[in-house]
Amino acid sequence: MGMTIGRLAEATGVPASAIRYWERHGLLPAPERQGGQRRYPADAAGRIMLLRKYQQAGLTLAEIAEFQQDQPRREAMIRSKVAEIEQRMVDLEHAHQLLTHALQCSRTDIVSCPTFQRQMATWRPESAH
């Protein structure tokens, strides 16, 4: 018989409005209808959780749609997104280092701190040294 959209939303923690939006944009297959109500198969929750993970990874809806396209387009998009995520990870690590040092530094202006200046120097790309 399948799950209603309300039950699917409850099971996944994703609002019914988001589920309907993803359906309209072709990211989820259209469910069967019984008595005018959407009825979702058991694997719908897995698909929704995957869509949520894609979003948490920073993929746009257009990029998520690429996962449903041919292999070369999908691979190019994934390679680009992996590079973007790796750069964000570097940026977040630098931000973490800055904030951690700022908590420990006694200087009013952290930029004037020799320890912080040495740390910033390691953040520069090789070509900037």
Protein backbone atom coordinates (compact mmCIF):
# COMPACT_ATOMS: atom_id res chain seq x y z
CA MET A 1 0.00 0.00 0.00
CA GLY A 2 2.92 2.41 0.55
CA MET A 3 3.51 5.33 2.88
CA THR A 4 1.64 8.60 2.80
CA ILE A 5 3.64 11.77 2.35
CA GLY A 6 3.03 12.64 6.01
CA ARG A 7 4.44 9.32 7.18
CA LEU A 8 7.41 9.64 4.81
CA ALA A 9 8.09 13.17 6.07
CA GLU A 10 7.96 11.93 9.66
CA ALA A 11 10.23 8.96 8.93
CA THR A 12 12.88 11.10 7.20
CA GLY A 13 12.61 14.38 9.09
CA VAL A 14 12.12 16.16 5.76
CA PRO A 15 9.04 18.40 5.40
CA ALA A 16 6.32 17.22 3.02
CA SER A 17 6.71 20.51 1.12
CA ALA A 18 10.35 19.63 0.34
CA ILE A 19 9.33 16.15 -0.83
CA ARG A 20 6.72 17.63 -3.16
CA TYR A 21 9.27 20.21 -4.41
CA TRP A 22 11.82 17.50 -5.21
CA GLU A 23 9.13 15.55 -7.08
CA ARG A 24 8.16 18.60 -9.16
CA HIS A 25 11.81 19.08 -10.12
CA GLY A 26 12.35 15.44 -11.07
CA LEU A 27 14.69 14.58 -8.20
CA LEU A 28 12.24 12.02 -6.85
CA PRO A 29 10.09 9.76 -8.99
CA ALA A 30 6.39 10.58 -8.92
CA PRO A 31 4.66 8.23 -6.46
CA GLU A 32 1.60 6.17 -7.16
CA ARG A 33 -1.69 7.63 -6.04
CA GLN A 34 -4.46 5.87 -4.19
CA GLY A 35 -7.66 7.77 -3.61
CA GLY A 36 -5.86 10.98 -4.62
CA GLN A 37 -3.13 10.51 -2.00
CA ARG A 38 0.51 10.00 -2.79
CA ARG A 39 1.74 6.55 -1.76
CA TYR A 40 5.48 6.02 -1.55
CA PRO A 41 7.35 2.73 -1.86
CA ALA A 42 9.63 1.52 0.94
CA ASP A 43 12.78 2.75 -0.85
CA ALA A 44 11.52 6.35 -0.97
CA ALA A 45 12.95 7.09 2.50
CA GLY A 46 16.41 6.02 1.32
CA ARG A 47 16.18 8.25 -1.73
CA ILE A 48 15.14 11.20 0.41
CA MET A 49 17.96 10.66 2.89
CA LEU A 50 20.40 10.55 -0.04
CA LEU A 51 19.02 13.83 -1.40
CA ARG A 52 19.46 15.37 2.04
CA LYS A 53 23.09 14.14 2.19
CA TYR A 54 23.74 15.65 -1.25
CA GLN A 55 22.43 18.97 0.04
CA GLN A 56 24.50 18.73 3.22
CA ALA A 57 27.55 18.12 1.01
CA GLY A 58 26.82 21.46 -0.65
CA LEU A 59 25.34 20.24 -3.92
CA THR A 60 22.77 22.46 -5.58
CA LEU A 61 19.54 20.99 -6.94
CA ALA A 62 20.99 21.25 -10.45
CA GLU A 63 24.07 19.30 -9.35
CA ILE A 64 21.89 16.69 -7.67
CA ALA A 65 20.04 16.32 -10.95
CA GLU A 66 23.39 15.52 -12.60
CA PHE A 67 23.44 12.28 -10.61
CA GLN A 68 20.54 11.20 -12.78
CA GLN A 69 22.36 12.04 -16.02
CA ASP A 70 24.90 10.19 -18.13
CA GLN A 71 28.15 9.02 -16.54
CA PRO A 72 30.62 11.57 -18.06
CA ARG A 73 28.53 14.57 -16.94
CA ARG A 74 28.03 13.06 -13.51
CA GLU A 75 31.74 12.32 -13.08
CA ALA A 76 32.76 15.84 -14.12
CA MET A 77 30.32 17.36 -11.64
CA ILE A 78 31.50 15.05 -8.85
CA ARG A 79 35.18 15.83 -9.49
CA SER A 80 34.44 19.55 -9.38
CA LYS A 81 32.41 19.23 -6.19
CA VAL A 82 35.10 17.10 -4.48
CA ALA A 83 37.70 19.80 -5.25
CA GLU A 84 35.35 22.47 -3.89
CA ILE A 85 34.72 20.49 -0.69
CA GLU A 86 38.44 19.88 -0.19
CA GLN A 87 39.07 23.63 -0.44
CA ARG A 88 36.29 24.32 2.04
CA MET A 89 37.88 21.80 4.41
CA VAL A 90 41.20 23.68 4.18
CA ASP A 91 39.42 26.99 4.74
CA LEU A 92 37.56 25.59 7.76
CA GLU A 93 40.80 24.23 9.23
CA HIS A 94 42.39 27.68 8.88
CA ALA A 95 39.38 29.29 10.52
CA HIS A 96 39.58 26.76 13.34
CA GLN A 97 43.28 27.52 13.84
CA LEU A 98 42.59 31.26 13.87
CA LEU A 99 39.80 31.02 16.41
CA THR A 100 41.64 28.56 18.63
CA HIS A 101 44.70 30.81 18.67
CA ALA A 102 42.56 33.91 19.29
CA LEU A 103 41.18 32.27 22.44
CA GLN A 104 44.70 31.74 23.74
CA CYS A 105 46.44 34.89 22.47
CA SER A 106 46.92 37.77 24.89
CA ARG A 107 47.33 40.39 22.14
CA THR A 108 44.52 42.81 21.44
CA ASP A 109 45.28 42.72 17.71
CA ILE A 110 45.85 39.10 16.72
CA VAL A 111 47.40 40.17 13.41
CA SER A 112 50.36 41.62 15.32
CA CYS A 113 50.98 38.30 17.09
CA PRO A 114 54.20 36.68 15.80
CA THR A 115 52.81 33.18 16.39
CA PHE A 116 49.71 33.98 14.37
CA GLN A 117 51.79 35.63 11.61
CA ARG A 118 53.86 32.43 11.29
CA GLN A 119 50.66 30.40 11.12
CA MET A 120 49.20 32.65 8.41
CA ALA A 121 52.40 32.26 6.38
CA THR A 122 51.77 28.50 6.20
CA TRP A 123 48.30 29.13 4.75
CA ARG A 124 49.57 30.88 1.64
CA PRO A 125 49.66 28.89 -1.59
CA GLU A 126 53.13 27.79 -2.65
CA SER A 127 53.24 30.38 -5.43
CA ALA A 128 52.73 33.22 -2.90
CA HIS A 129 55.75 32.33 -0.69
